Amino acid sequence: MCFSTCRIFLDQTLFRRQSQRKHCSNGTGHSAVSRNTGCNHAGAACVKGANMSRIWGRMLAICLLLGSTVLAHHAAFAAEPKRELVKVKGNLYRFINNHHASVVYDTKDGLIVGDPINREAALWLQAELQSRFSKPVRYMFYSHHHADHASGGEVFAEAGAQVIAHKNALANLKTKSVPTALPTILFDDTLTISLGESEVVLKYLGKNHTDDMIIAHFPAEEAVFAVDFVSVERLPYRNLQGGSFPDWYLSIDRLTKLPFTYLVPGHGKVGIHFDAIEHGHYLRELENRVKRAKKAGLTLEEMRNNIKLPRYQHWQNYDEWLPQNIMGMYRAVIDPDS
């Protein structure tokens, strides 16, 4: 509405300026105000017109300022995070915070929560869980130490939850100064959480995206929660930062040997067992293509411009991230010291 009013002000201002020119014209296109005669009738009209122009100009400026305020309000509203808690199957829920996701497991004796993501997300989730289940969070686990997944853990730790992570995560969290609660329970290979006649199995599958990545297996729901090193029809993030090969796809091989139907990733949509297999195939094919290109004498830039993997072109972020994936794989297997 404000912009419509501004348009009216602008149109009327232009009309009045045109009228001012007519009053101030002597018909020859020259000003009717003489330098020597001072202010005659036409000159008075010009002064009045000039005053009115200033008034309308100020009104227009005010309206434009109000319009910018409205736009800022709408931008802030649009930036509000999208958060929801949705059921996957049985007692397993997926917590979505914009482009990140975690999990919540409901048992009769309390809740088990995965990555807190960040403090604001954790506070929202804490309130949502209290409203929906009215049960305490007994355990919280970090999939790995990266701040975009592990931040905010103090929200649940301060409320009494025990914090679990792989043994390598403790030093990583300290070194990176991740703003979160430090784990109180560490494990090496496998840890089973038994709570309220339910079980969640946490497993370390080896190095991949990091050296402290774990997955959560929910046997009763036939589901696994796996973050960053595997996803559903989505390319790995940008330049495969921190990736270790062949460890990465070997850890996916170990994942696919587990009995599960549903793959619940930390980003993107929920998939099935086959999607984990396909993600491993993608990484192997990418590595093979980079090695073959190097053998053929291609430079990194030529690889980025020429290697295509059409089998995966329907995957999310294919056009944007494939050149970066190629660069990351090149650095991992061809030039690890770069």
Protein backbone atom coordinates (compact mmCIF):
# COMPACT_ATOMS: atom_id res chain seq x y z
CA MET A 1 0.00 0.00 0.00
CA CYS A 2 2.86 2.36 0.84
CA PHE A 3 4.38 1.94 -2.64
CA SER A 4 1.03 2.73 -4.28
CA THR A 5 0.82 5.94 -2.21
CA CYS A 6 4.40 6.79 -3.21
CA ARG A 7 3.46 6.40 -6.86
CA ILE A 8 0.51 8.78 -6.39
CA PHE A 9 2.78 11.32 -4.69
CA LEU A 10 5.29 11.02 -7.49
CA ASP A 11 2.68 11.42 -10.22
CA GLN A 12 1.15 14.44 -8.51
CA THR A 13 4.56 16.00 -7.96
CA LEU A 14 5.41 15.65 -11.65
CA PHE A 15 2.01 17.11 -12.60
CA ARG A 16 2.51 20.11 -10.32
CA ARG A 17 5.99 20.72 -11.71
CA GLN A 18 4.58 20.70 -15.23
CA SER A 19 1.88 23.14 -14.14
CA GLN A 20 4.56 25.32 -12.52
CA ARG A 21 6.43 25.49 -15.81
CA LYS A 22 3.25 26.62 -17.60
CA HIS A 23 2.60 29.38 -15.06
CA CYS A 24 6.21 30.49 -15.26
CA SER A 25 6.34 30.58 -19.05
CA ASN A 26 5.68 33.68 -21.18
CA GLY A 27 4.82 31.62 -24.21
CA THR A 28 8.25 31.93 -25.71
CA GLY A 29 9.84 29.30 -23.60
CA HIS A 30 11.66 31.93 -21.47
CA SER A 31 11.03 32.82 -17.85
CA ALA A 32 8.40 35.54 -17.25
CA VAL A 33 10.31 36.72 -14.19
CA SER A 34 12.53 39.65 -15.10
CA ARG A 35 15.88 39.99 -13.44
CA ASN A 36 15.04 43.70 -12.95
CA THR A 37 11.32 43.75 -12.10
CA GLY A 38 11.37 41.44 -9.03
CA CYS A 39 8.33 39.31 -8.32
CA ASN A 40 5.32 39.78 -10.58
CA HIS A 41 2.17 37.59 -10.67
CA ALA A 42 3.94 34.81 -12.57
CA GLY A 43 6.86 34.99 -10.16
CA ALA A 44 4.53 34.53 -7.17
CA ALA A 45 3.15 31.42 -8.80
CA CYS A 46 6.69 30.16 -9.26
CA VAL A 47 7.53 30.71 -5.57
CA LYS A 48 4.34 28.97 -4.50
CA GLY A 49 5.06 26.13 -6.91
CA ALA A 50 8.58 25.74 -5.61
CA ASN A 51 7.29 25.54 -2.02
CA MET A 52 4.76 22.93 -3.00
CA SER A 53 7.45 20.93 -4.78
CA ARG A 54 9.53 20.89 -1.62
CA ILE A 55 6.51 19.71 0.42
CA TRP A 56 5.69 16.95 -2.02
CA GLY A 57 9.35 15.97 -2.19
CA ARG A 58 9.48 15.61 1.59
CA MET A 59 6.30 13.54 1.60
CA LEU A 60 7.77 11.29 -1.08
CA ALA A 61 10.99 10.84 0.91
CA ILE A 62 9.01 9.91 4.03
CA CYS A 63 6.98 7.36 2.11
CA LEU A 64 10.08 5.80 0.57
CA LEU A 65 11.60 5.55 4.05
CA LEU A 66 8.48 3.80 5.30
CA GLY A 67 8.64 1.50 2.29
CA SER A 68 12.21 0.52 3.06
CA THR A 69 11.16 -0.24 6.65
CA VAL A 70 8.42 -2.51 5.37
CA LEU A 71 10.89 -4.30 3.10
CA ALA A 72 13.30 -4.77 6.00
CA HIS A 73 10.47 -6.22 8.07
CA HIS A 74 9.55 -8.67 5.32
CA ALA A 75 13.22 -9.64 4.86
CA ALA A 76 13.55 -10.36 8.58
CA PHE A 77 10.35 -12.40 8.49
CA ALA A 78 11.61 -14.38 5.48
CA ALA A 79 14.84 -15.14 7.34
CA GLU A 80 13.00 -16.82 10.20
CA PRO A 81 14.35 -20.38 10.52
CA LYS A 82 12.21 -23.28 9.40
CA ARG A 83 11.95 -25.77 12.24
CA GLU A 84 9.81 -28.86 12.62
CA LEU A 85 9.76 -32.25 14.28
CA VAL A 86 8.37 -35.00 12.04
CA LYS A 87 7.95 -38.71 12.57
CA VAL A 88 10.12 -41.06 10.52
CA LYS A 89 8.78 -44.34 11.85
CA GLY A 90 7.71 -45.75 15.20
CA ASN A 91 9.39 -43.77 17.98
CA LEU A 92 11.95 -42.09 15.72
CA TYR A 93 11.53 -38.42 14.81
CA ARG A 94 13.53 -36.09 12.60
CA PHE A 95 14.28 -32.56 13.77
CA ILE A 96 14.70 -30.14 10.86
CA ASN A 97 16.36 -26.75 11.32
CA ASN A 98 16.55 -25.03 7.92
CA HIS A 99 19.04 -27.13 5.91
CA HIS A 100 20.28 -29.22 8.86
CA ALA A 101 18.62 -32.19 10.48
CA SER A 102 18.96 -34.27 13.62
CA VAL A 103 16.96 -37.02 15.32
CA VAL A 104 14.93 -37.62 18.47
CA TYR A 105 14.11 -41.06 19.87
CA ASP A 106 11.20 -41.48 22.26
CA THR A 107 11.27 -44.18 24.93
CA LYS A 108 9.02 -44.72 27.93
CA ASP A 109 11.80 -43.63 30.29
CA GLY A 110 12.96 -40.53 28.43
CA LEU A 111 14.32 -39.15 25.19
CA ILE A 112 17.53 -39.59 23.20
CA VAL A 113 18.56 -36.63 21.06
CA GLY A 114 21.11 -36.36 18.26
CA ASP A 115 22.98 -33.25 17.11
CA PRO A 116 21.75 -30.03 18.77
CA ILE A 117 22.81 -28.04 15.63
CA ASN A 118 23.07 -24.67 17.43
CA ARG A 119 21.88 -23.03 20.63
CA GLU A 120 18.76 -21.42 19.15
CA ALA A 121 17.74 -24.67 17.47
CA ALA A 122 18.37 -26.62 20.67
CA LEU A 123 16.24 -24.22 22.73
CA TRP A 124 13.40 -24.56 20.23
CA LEU A 125 13.70 -28.34 20.27
CA GLN A 126 13.83 -28.47 24.05
CA ALA A 127 10.56 -26.53 24.30
CA GLU A 128 8.96 -28.64 21.57
CA LEU A 129 9.93 -31.90 23.27
CA GLN A 130 8.60 -30.71 26.61
CA SER A 131 5.32 -29.69 25.00
CA ARG A 132 4.92 -32.86 22.97
CA PHE A 133 6.34 -35.61 25.21
CA SER A 134 6.75 -34.12 28.71
CA LYS A 135 9.80 -36.33 29.21
CA PRO A 136 13.41 -35.50 30.06
CA VAL A 137 16.23 -35.83 27.56
CA ARG A 138 18.40 -38.56 29.07
CA TYR A 139 21.11 -38.75 26.38
CA MET A 140 22.40 -36.54 23.61
CA PHE A 141 25.07 -37.57 21.09
CA TYR A 142 27.20 -35.70 18.58
CA SER A 143 27.54 -37.24 15.12
CA HIS A 144 30.89 -35.41 14.81
CA HIS A 145 32.60 -32.27 16.05
CA HIS A 146 31.76 -29.75 13.32
CA ALA A 147 30.17 -26.63 14.78
CA ASP A 148 27.19 -26.55 12.41
CA HIS A 149 26.00 -29.83 13.97
CA ALA A 150 27.45 -29.98 17.48
CA SER A 151 26.90 -26.41 18.74
CA GLY A 152 24.33 -25.76 21.46
CA GLY A 153 24.76 -29.00 23.38
CA GLU A 154 24.85 -27.12 26.69
CA VAL A 155 21.07 -26.63 26.41
CA PHE A 156 20.46 -30.33 27.05
CA ALA A 157 23.56 -30.95 29.18
CA GLU A 158 22.55 -28.28 31.68
CA ALA A 159 19.11 -29.90 31.91
CA GLY A 160 20.72 -33.21 32.93
CA ALA A 161 21.38 -35.08 29.69
CA GLN A 162 24.51 -37.20 29.39
CA VAL A 163 26.56 -36.21 26.35
CA ILE A 164 28.04 -38.93 24.12
CA ALA A 165 30.62 -38.74 21.32
CA HIS A 166 33.42 -40.71 19.71
CA LYS A 167 36.69 -40.60 21.64
CA ASN A 168 38.34 -38.44 18.95
CA ALA A 169 35.65 -35.79 19.26
CA LEU A 170 36.76 -34.51 22.66
CA ALA A 171 40.08 -33.12 21.44
CA ASN A 172 38.49 -31.85 18.21
CA LEU A 173 35.78 -29.94 20.08
CA LYS A 174 38.39 -28.35 22.32
CA THR A 175 40.79 -27.52 19.49
CA LYS A 176 38.05 -25.93 17.35
CA SER A 177 36.49 -24.17 20.38
CA VAL A 178 33.03 -25.36 19.39
CA PRO A 179 30.43 -23.56 21.55
CA THR A 180 28.86 -26.62 23.14
CA ALA A 181 28.99 -28.97 26.11
CA LEU A 182 31.90 -31.39 26.14
CA PRO A 183 31.01 -35.10 26.03
CA THR A 184 30.86 -37.02 29.30
CA ILE A 185 30.73 -40.47 27.68
CA LEU A 186 33.29 -41.45 25.04
CA PHE A 187 33.58 -44.68 23.07
CA ASP A 188 35.82 -46.24 20.46
CA ASP A 189 33.88 -48.66 18.24
CA THR A 190 30.30 -49.34 19.39
CA LEU A 191 28.07 -48.07 22.18
CA THR A 192 24.54 -49.31 22.84
CA ILE A 193 22.14 -47.04 24.70
CA SER A 194 19.44 -49.04 26.48
CA LEU A 195 16.58 -46.91 27.75
CA GLY A 196 12.97 -47.77 28.47
CA GLU A 197 13.14 -51.22 26.82
CA SER A 198 14.50 -49.58 23.65
CA GLU A 199 17.96 -49.62 22.13
CA VAL A 200 19.99 -47.21 20.02
CA VAL A 201 23.34 -48.42 18.70
CA LEU A 202 26.05 -45.83 18.07
CA LYS A 203 28.86 -46.98 15.77
CA TYR A 204 32.15 -45.63 14.49
CA LEU A 205 32.70 -46.75 10.88
CA GLY A 206 36.15 -45.27 10.34
CA LYS A 207 37.44 -41.97 8.97
CA ASN A 208 35.41 -40.24 6.27
CA HIS A 209 34.28 -36.61 6.45
CA THR A 210 36.05 -36.41 9.84
CA ASP A 211 37.97 -38.79 12.12
CA ASP A 212 35.23 -38.78 14.78
CA MET A 213 32.06 -39.45 12.77
CA ILE A 214 29.51 -41.86 14.26
CA ILE A 215 26.14 -43.12 13.07
CA ALA A 216 23.07 -44.03 15.08
CA HIS A 217 21.26 -47.27 14.29
CA PHE A 218 17.64 -47.67 15.40
CA PRO A 219 16.96 -51.42 14.99
CA ALA A 220 13.25 -51.32 15.87
CA GLU A 221 12.61 -48.63 13.26
CA GLU A 222 15.01 -50.13 10.69
CA ALA A 223 16.68 -46.74 10.34
CA VAL A 224 20.11 -45.12 10.56
CA PHE A 225 21.03 -41.50 11.18
CA ALA A 226 24.19 -40.61 9.20
CA VAL A 227 25.56 -37.11 8.73
CA ASP A 228 27.64 -35.42 6.01
CA PHE A 229 29.58 -38.46 4.73
CA VAL A 230 26.45 -39.86 3.06
CA SER A 231 23.22 -38.31 1.79
CA VAL A 232 20.29 -38.96 -0.52
CA GLU A 233 20.64 -37.90 -4.17
CA ARG A 234 22.81 -34.98 -3.12
CA LEU A 235 26.47 -34.33 -3.91
CA PRO A 236 28.95 -34.25 -1.01
CA TYR A 237 29.50 -30.76 0.30
CA ARG A 238 31.65 -28.55 -1.90
CA ASN A 239 35.36 -29.56 -1.83
CA LEU A 240 35.04 -32.67 0.39
CA GLN A 241 36.76 -30.75 3.17
CA GLY A 242 38.66 -32.99 5.56
CA GLY A 243 37.81 -36.07 3.52
CA SER A 244 39.99 -39.15 3.73
CA PHE A 245 40.10 -41.60 0.80
CA PRO A 246 39.58 -44.49 0.34
CA ASP A 247 38.40 -44.43 3.98
CA TRP A 248 35.33 -42.37 3.11
CA TYR A 249 33.66 -44.84 0.77
CA LEU A 250 34.93 -47.80 2.81
CA SER A 251 32.97 -46.42 5.76
CA ILE A 252 29.91 -46.26 3.51
CA ASP A 253 30.51 -49.94 2.65
CA ARG A 254 30.40 -50.74 6.38
CA LEU A 255 27.23 -48.68 6.72
CA THR A 256 25.48 -50.61 3.97
CA LYS A 257 26.19 -53.90 5.76
CA LEU A 258 23.90 -52.84 8.61
CA PRO A 259 20.27 -54.01 8.50
CA PHE A 260 18.25 -50.88 7.79
CA THR A 261 15.59 -49.61 5.42
CA TYR A 262 15.53 -45.86 6.09
CA LEU A 263 18.52 -43.55 5.67
CA VAL A 264 18.04 -40.35 7.71
CA PRO A 265 20.78 -37.87 6.70
CA GLY A 266 21.95 -34.66 8.33
CA HIS A 267 21.03 -32.69 5.18
CA GLY A 268 18.46 -33.20 2.46
CA LYS A 269 15.66 -35.71 2.22
CA VAL A 270 15.18 -39.11 3.88
CA GLY A 271 16.06 -42.08 1.67
CA ILE A 272 16.54 -45.83 1.75
CA HIS A 273 19.36 -48.36 1.95
CA PHE A 274 19.97 -48.15 -1.81
CA ASP A 275 20.75 -44.42 -1.55
CA ALA A 276 23.72 -45.16 0.71
CA ILE A 277 25.04 -47.65 -1.86
CA GLU A 278 24.63 -45.06 -4.63
CA HIS A 279 26.53 -42.44 -2.64
CA GLY A 280 29.44 -44.82 -2.30
CA HIS A 281 29.34 -45.50 -6.03
CA TYR A 282 29.47 -41.77 -6.74
CA LEU A 283 32.62 -41.28 -4.67
CA ARG A 284 34.35 -44.25 -6.29
CA GLU A 285 33.47 -43.07 -9.78
CA LEU A 286 34.64 -39.55 -8.98
CA GLU A 287 37.98 -40.87 -7.72
CA ASN A 288 38.43 -43.08 -10.79
CA ARG A 289 37.65 -40.25 -13.20
CA VAL A 290 40.11 -37.90 -11.49
CA LYS A 291 42.87 -40.51 -11.51
CA ARG A 292 42.26 -41.32 -15.20
CA ALA A 293 42.30 -37.62 -16.09
CA LYS A 294 45.58 -37.16 -14.27
CA LYS A 295 47.07 -40.11 -16.13
CA ALA A 296 45.91 -38.54 -19.41
CA GLY A 297 47.79 -35.35 -18.54
CA LEU A 298 44.88 -33.06 -17.68
CA THR A 299 45.43 -30.18 -15.28
CA LEU A 300 43.11 -29.64 -12.32
CA GLU A 301 41.38 -26.79 -14.12
CA GLU A 302 40.84 -28.98 -17.19
CA MET A 303 39.38 -31.68 -14.97
CA ARG A 304 36.98 -29.20 -13.38
CA ASN A 305 35.80 -28.11 -16.82
CA ASN A 306 35.64 -31.49 -18.54
CA ILE A 307 34.75 -34.26 -16.08
CA LYS A 308 31.01 -34.94 -16.14
CA LEU A 309 29.09 -37.66 -14.31
CA PRO A 310 25.71 -37.73 -16.12
CA ARG A 311 24.46 -40.64 -14.04
CA TYR A 312 24.21 -38.21 -11.11
CA GLN A 313 23.18 -35.02 -12.90
CA HIS A 314 19.72 -35.13 -11.29
CA TRP A 315 21.28 -34.98 -7.82
CA GLN A 316 20.97 -31.84 -5.75
CA ASN A 317 23.81 -29.29 -6.27
CA TYR A 318 25.26 -31.23 -9.22
CA ASP A 319 26.11 -28.19 -11.37
CA GLU A 320 27.42 -26.07 -8.51
CA TRP A 321 29.33 -28.64 -6.47
CA LEU A 322 30.71 -31.11 -9.05
CA PRO A 323 33.70 -28.88 -9.98
CA GLN A 324 34.39 -28.42 -6.26
CA ASN A 325 34.07 -32.16 -5.63
CA ILE A 326 36.61 -32.72 -8.41
CA MET A 327 39.01 -30.27 -6.79
CA GLY A 328 38.54 -31.92 -3.39
CA MET A 329 39.14 -35.40 -4.79
CA TYR A 330 42.22 -34.18 -6.69
CA ARG A 331 43.72 -32.79 -3.52
CA ALA A 332 42.85 -35.92 -1.56
CA VAL A 333 44.24 -38.55 -3.93
CA ILE A 334 46.60 -36.72 -6.31
CA ASP A 335 48.08 -33.81 -4.40
CA PRO A 336 47.35 -34.29 -0.67
CA ASP A 337 50.06 -31.79 0.33
CA SER A 338 48.46 -28.88 -1.56
